[in-house]
Protein backbone atom coordinates (compact mmCIF):
# COMPACT_ATOMS: atom_id res chain seq x y z
CA MET A 1 0.07 0.04 -0.07
CA ASN A 2 1.20 3.45 -0.99
CA ASN A 3 0.54 6.76 0.51
CA SER A 4 -1.71 8.37 -2.32
CA VAL A 5 -5.64 8.86 -1.46
CA THR A 6 -8.15 7.28 -3.30
CA ILE A 7 -11.13 8.66 -1.03
CA LYS A 8 -11.03 11.94 0.79
CA THR A 9 -14.28 13.53 2.41
CA HIS A 10 -14.97 16.97 4.01
CA LYS A 11 -17.82 17.60 6.19
CA LEU A 12 -19.96 15.22 3.93
CA ASN A 13 -23.77 15.47 4.90
CA LYS A 14 -26.66 13.56 3.75
CA HIS A 15 -30.40 14.54 4.67
CA PHE A 16 -33.73 12.88 3.83
CA GLY A 17 -36.34 14.85 5.23
CA PRO A 18 -35.52 15.17 8.96
CA VAL A 19 -33.50 12.18 8.77
CA HIS A 20 -29.80 13.10 8.95
CA ALA A 21 -28.15 10.05 7.38
CA VAL A 22 -24.69 11.10 7.03
CA ARG A 23 -23.17 13.66 9.55
CA GLU A 24 -20.28 15.76 8.80
CA LEU A 25 -18.03 12.98 7.41
CA ASP A 26 -14.56 13.49 7.15
CA LEU A 27 -12.98 10.16 6.00
CA GLU A 28 -9.63 9.22 3.98
CA VAL A 29 -9.02 6.08 2.65
CA LYS A 30 -5.37 5.16 1.24
CA GLU A 31 -4.94 3.64 -2.47
CA GLY A 32 -4.29 0.09 -2.53
CA SER A 33 -6.15 -0.79 1.05
CA ARG A 34 -8.80 -2.91 2.10
CA PHE A 35 -10.75 -0.58 4.17
CA GLY A 36 -13.63 -1.81 6.44
CA PHE A 37 -16.34 0.36 7.31
CA LEU A 38 -18.41 -0.74 10.30
CA GLY A 39 -21.62 0.13 12.08
CA PRO A 40 -24.67 -0.93 13.12
CA ASN A 41 -27.91 -1.46 10.46
CA GLY A 42 -29.08 1.92 9.51
CA ALA A 43 -25.81 3.87 10.65
CA GLY A 44 -25.03 5.43 7.25
CA LYS A 45 -22.81 2.97 5.68
CA THR A 46 -24.94 2.41 2.50
CA THR A 47 -25.84 6.05 2.23
CA THR A 48 -22.16 6.64 2.17
CA VAL A 49 -21.37 4.20 -0.40
CA ARG A 50 -23.93 5.57 -2.64
CA ILE A 51 -22.98 9.04 -2.49
CA LEU A 52 -18.91 8.05 -3.00
CA SER A 53 -19.80 5.78 -6.20
CA GLY A 54 -21.75 8.70 -7.77
CA LEU A 55 -25.35 7.23 -7.27
CA MET A 56 -26.53 10.01 -5.01
CA LYS A 57 -25.99 13.25 -4.40
CA GLN A 58 -24.98 14.68 -1.23
CA SER A 59 -26.70 17.54 0.73
CA SER A 60 -23.56 19.30 1.63
CA GLY A 61 -19.58 18.61 1.98
CA THR A 62 -17.16 17.70 -0.83
CA ALA A 63 -15.33 14.58 -1.71
CA THR A 64 -12.61 13.33 -4.07
CA VAL A 65 -12.89 9.83 -5.19
CA CYS A 66 -9.72 8.30 -7.31
CA GLY A 67 -8.48 12.08 -7.48
CA LEU A 68 -11.71 13.37 -9.09
CA PRO A 69 -14.12 15.79 -7.55
CA LEU A 70 -17.38 14.06 -6.42
CA ASP A 71 -19.59 17.11 -7.89
CA GLN A 72 -18.13 17.81 -11.24
CA LYS A 73 -16.82 14.18 -12.23
CA ARG A 74 -19.68 11.88 -10.98
CA ASN A 75 -20.16 9.90 -14.18
CA LYS A 76 -16.47 9.32 -14.47
CA ILE A 77 -16.11 8.14 -11.04
CA LYS A 78 -19.14 5.86 -11.95
CA GLU A 79 -16.85 4.39 -15.08
CA ILE A 80 -13.91 3.44 -12.77
CA THR A 81 -15.40 2.39 -9.68
CA GLY A 82 -17.18 -0.99 -9.13
CA LEU A 83 -20.05 -1.60 -6.75
CA LEU A 84 -21.45 -4.56 -5.31
CA PRO A 85 -24.61 -4.04 -3.36
CA GLU A 86 -26.09 -5.63 -0.64
CA THR A 87 -28.89 -7.05 -2.65
CA PRO A 88 -27.82 -7.70 -6.13
CA GLY A 89 -29.49 -9.17 -8.90
CA LEU A 90 -28.42 -11.95 -11.01
CA TYR A 91 -30.21 -13.66 -14.07
CA SER A 92 -30.04 -17.12 -13.36
CA LYS A 93 -30.91 -18.45 -16.58
CA LEU A 94 -27.64 -17.23 -18.00
CA SER A 95 -24.24 -19.08 -17.85
CA ALA A 96 -21.68 -17.14 -15.63
CA VAL A 97 -20.06 -16.10 -19.26
CA GLU A 98 -23.35 -15.17 -20.74
CA PHE A 99 -24.12 -13.18 -17.62
CA LEU A 100 -20.56 -11.48 -17.65
CA GLU A 101 -20.97 -10.70 -21.50
CA PHE A 102 -24.24 -9.14 -20.67
CA ILE A 103 -22.74 -6.59 -17.93
CA GLY A 104 -19.76 -5.97 -20.18
CA ALA A 105 -22.06 -4.79 -22.88
CA LEU A 106 -23.74 -2.52 -20.26
CA ASN A 107 -20.30 -0.93 -19.91
CA GLY A 108 -19.38 -0.52 -23.29
CA LYS A 109 -17.25 -3.56 -23.63
CA ASN A 110 -17.34 -6.37 -25.94
CA GLY A 111 -14.93 -8.51 -28.31
CA SER A 112 -11.78 -10.52 -27.64
CA GLN A 113 -10.76 -7.98 -24.91
CA LEU A 114 -13.73 -8.58 -23.02
CA MET A 115 -13.55 -12.23 -23.36
CA HIS A 116 -9.91 -12.22 -22.46
CA ARG A 117 -11.13 -10.40 -19.44
CA ILE A 118 -13.99 -12.77 -18.37
CA ASP A 119 -12.01 -15.92 -19.14
CA SER A 120 -9.03 -14.41 -16.35
CA LEU A 121 -11.29 -13.35 -13.95
CA LEU A 122 -13.36 -17.02 -14.00
CA GLU A 123 -9.96 -18.60 -13.65
CA LEU A 124 -8.96 -16.66 -10.75
CA LEU A 125 -12.35 -17.26 -8.89
CA GLY A 126 -11.81 -21.23 -9.79
CA LEU A 127 -15.04 -21.01 -11.84
CA GLU A 128 -13.61 -22.01 -15.14
CA SER A 129 -14.86 -25.46 -15.16
CA ARG A 130 -18.55 -24.28 -14.41
CA GLN A 131 -18.30 -21.21 -16.44
CA ASP A 132 -21.12 -22.76 -19.03
CA ASP A 133 -23.34 -24.02 -16.48
CA LEU A 134 -26.72 -22.02 -15.53
CA ILE A 135 -26.12 -19.67 -12.75
CA GLU A 136 -29.15 -21.19 -11.05
CA SER A 137 -27.47 -24.30 -10.54
CA TYR A 138 -24.63 -22.58 -8.44
CA SER A 139 -24.18 -22.35 -4.79
CA SER A 140 -24.47 -19.11 -2.96
CA GLY A 141 -21.09 -18.86 -2.63
CA MET A 142 -20.35 -19.29 -6.46
CA LYS A 143 -23.07 -16.82 -7.07
CA GLN A 144 -21.28 -14.21 -4.84
CA LYS A 145 -18.22 -14.91 -6.98
CA VAL A 146 -19.79 -14.46 -10.24
CA LEU A 147 -21.39 -10.92 -8.93
CA ILE A 148 -17.52 -10.01 -7.66
CA ALA A 149 -16.49 -10.90 -11.02
CA SER A 150 -19.00 -8.39 -12.37
CA THR A 151 -18.08 -5.82 -10.22
CA LEU A 152 -14.24 -6.33 -11.30
CA LEU A 153 -15.11 -6.81 -15.18
CA HIS A 154 -14.29 -3.08 -16.19
CA ASN A 155 -10.67 -3.57 -13.93
CA PRO A 156 -11.96 -0.58 -11.78
CA LYS A 157 -9.63 1.47 -9.46
CA LEU A 158 -11.97 1.23 -6.31
CA VAL A 159 -14.27 -1.43 -5.56
CA PHE A 160 -17.62 -1.04 -2.91
CA LEU A 161 -18.82 -4.02 -1.37
CA ASP A 162 -21.47 -3.56 0.72
CA GLU A 163 -22.12 -6.24 3.15
CA PRO A 164 -20.19 -8.78 0.90
CA THR A 165 -21.04 -11.84 3.05
CA SER A 166 -24.36 -11.05 4.69
CA ARG A 167 -26.63 -13.66 3.01
CA LEU A 168 -23.34 -16.37 2.97
CA ASP A 169 -23.03 -19.39 4.93
CA PRO A 170 -19.49 -19.54 6.98
CA SER A 171 -17.63 -21.51 4.33
CA ALA A 172 -19.11 -19.36 1.61
CA SER A 173 -17.85 -16.22 3.45
CA MET A 174 -14.39 -17.60 3.63
CA VAL A 175 -14.24 -17.97 0.07
CA VAL A 176 -15.09 -14.31 -0.32
CA LYS A 177 -12.62 -13.23 2.49
CA GLU A 178 -9.91 -15.06 0.50
CA LEU A 179 -10.71 -13.64 -2.66
CA ILE A 180 -10.70 -10.07 -1.33
CA GLN A 181 -7.33 -10.83 -0.14
CA VAL A 182 -5.98 -12.41 -3.37
CA LEU A 183 -7.72 -9.63 -5.61
CA ALA A 184 -6.27 -6.85 -3.46
CA ASP A 185 -2.65 -8.20 -3.42
CA GLU A 186 -2.79 -9.18 -7.18
CA THR A 187 -4.71 -6.15 -8.56
CA ALA A 188 -3.61 -3.20 -6.18
CA THR A 189 -7.35 -2.54 -6.08
CA THR A 190 -8.76 -0.49 -3.30
CA PHE A 191 -11.62 -2.29 -1.57
CA PHE A 192 -14.14 -0.22 0.60
CA ILE A 193 -16.14 -2.92 2.61
CA CYS A 194 -19.35 -2.09 4.33
CA THR A 195 -19.88 -4.49 7.35
CA HIS A 196 -21.20 -5.04 10.57
CA GLN A 197 -19.15 -8.41 11.07
CA THR A 198 -15.93 -7.47 12.96
CA SER A 199 -14.49 -11.04 12.57
CA PHE A 200 -14.97 -10.35 8.62
CA ALA A 201 -13.28 -6.93 8.95
CA GLU A 202 -10.45 -8.08 11.42
CA ASP A 203 -9.74 -10.94 9.07
CA VAL A 204 -9.70 -8.83 5.86
CA CYS A 205 -9.31 -5.21 6.05
CA ASP A 206 -6.12 -3.11 6.91
CA GLY A 207 -8.08 0.01 8.09
CA ILE A 208 -11.06 0.54 9.85
CA GLY A 209 -13.75 3.48 10.46
CA ILE A 210 -16.72 3.04 12.49
CA ILE A 211 -19.94 4.89 11.94
CA ILE A 212 -22.75 5.51 14.28
CA ASP A 213 -25.77 7.76 13.64
CA GLY A 214 -24.45 8.99 10.38
CA SER A 215 -21.18 10.08 12.39
CA LEU A 216 -17.53 8.61 12.09
CA VAL A 217 -16.60 8.04 15.59
CA ILE A 218 -13.08 6.55 14.89
CA GLN A 219 -10.92 5.71 12.16
CA GLY A 220 -7.21 3.91 12.14
CA THR A 221 -5.64 0.56 11.98
CA LEU A 222 -6.94 -2.43 13.70
CA GLU A 223 -4.19 -2.24 16.29
CA GLY A 224 -4.85 1.26 16.79
CA ILE A 225 -8.41 1.17 17.57
CA THR A 226 -8.00 -1.76 19.79
CA THR A 227 -5.38 0.13 21.90
CA ALA A 228 -7.26 3.23 21.72
CA THR A 229 -10.46 1.53 23.36
CA ASN A 230 -8.22 -0.91 25.54
CA ALA A 231 -9.85 -3.94 23.97
CA ARG A 232 -8.31 -7.26 23.26
CA ASN A 233 -9.92 -7.42 19.60
CA LEU A 234 -12.05 -5.53 17.07
CA GLU A 235 -15.32 -7.18 18.57
CA GLU A 236 -14.50 -5.85 21.92
CA ALA A 237 -13.72 -2.46 20.54
CA TYR A 238 -16.46 -2.11 18.54
CA LEU A 239 -19.09 -3.27 21.36
CA ARG A 240 -17.08 -0.55 23.46
CA ILE A 241 -17.39 2.24 20.66
CA VAL A 242 -21.13 1.19 19.86
CA GLY A 243 -22.30 0.69 23.48
CA SER A 244 -23.83 -2.31 23.13
CA LYS A 245 -24.14 -4.53 26.23
CA VAL A 246 -25.89 -7.62 27.19
CA ASP A 247 -28.36 -7.55 30.38
CA ARG A 248 -27.50 -11.01 31.93
CA GLU A 249 -29.67 -10.55 34.92
CA ALA A 250 -32.33 -9.37 32.62
CA LEU A 251 -31.92 -12.57 30.67
CA LEU A 252 -32.03 -14.80 33.58
CA LYS A 253 -35.02 -13.58 34.74
CA TRP A 254 -36.56 -13.84 31.39
CA ARG A 255 -35.71 -17.63 31.26
């Protein structure tokens, strides 16, 4: 990882009527990093991603993404970044190759260059032996691999992953973890990963930010955050920051 900055925001805000979804967000993500954006459901993670990926306009504040000003270059940012939303769609009656050809066409790609990229990604993801089978026959982990391939198809500089393991079983989640690590090492792509799973972030990410009620409350390395909170691991640090506690006495009374 170098010292270049892929994402930098300054006092970024987003309002939905009376709801303040993102509050005065000052965020910095280094190029080539695997940045974990943690927070409870409804904390503002997905809204932040939609703004930074160019899909949604902020209410106020500024940001640069891959060196481009968000306000002036929103369409260009869409071209050079990839986004895998939490609930993506797949055409299950297509094969992996057909689906990726379709996604390539939507991005203005075709011909031998596109097919070479598809072949390379499917081989990297270990799907080459099943690439002509219908997606409906795939396991959940294999489907997630296809979706990640579609996100990487145009060779983006920055990839946003929104809860990439939320619908997966433990074995499929492990596949995705290993995949992100390999891709980050081999392609020097920056990954911005929204999750509420501290174990996933601890295994995969080299930078962490925690957002609560739209506000970034801490950002740093895993070691820095655990040290600052006097915690043994990220889960303990997260719970101390978020303030979640289990009332054991209440549970015992209920039982």
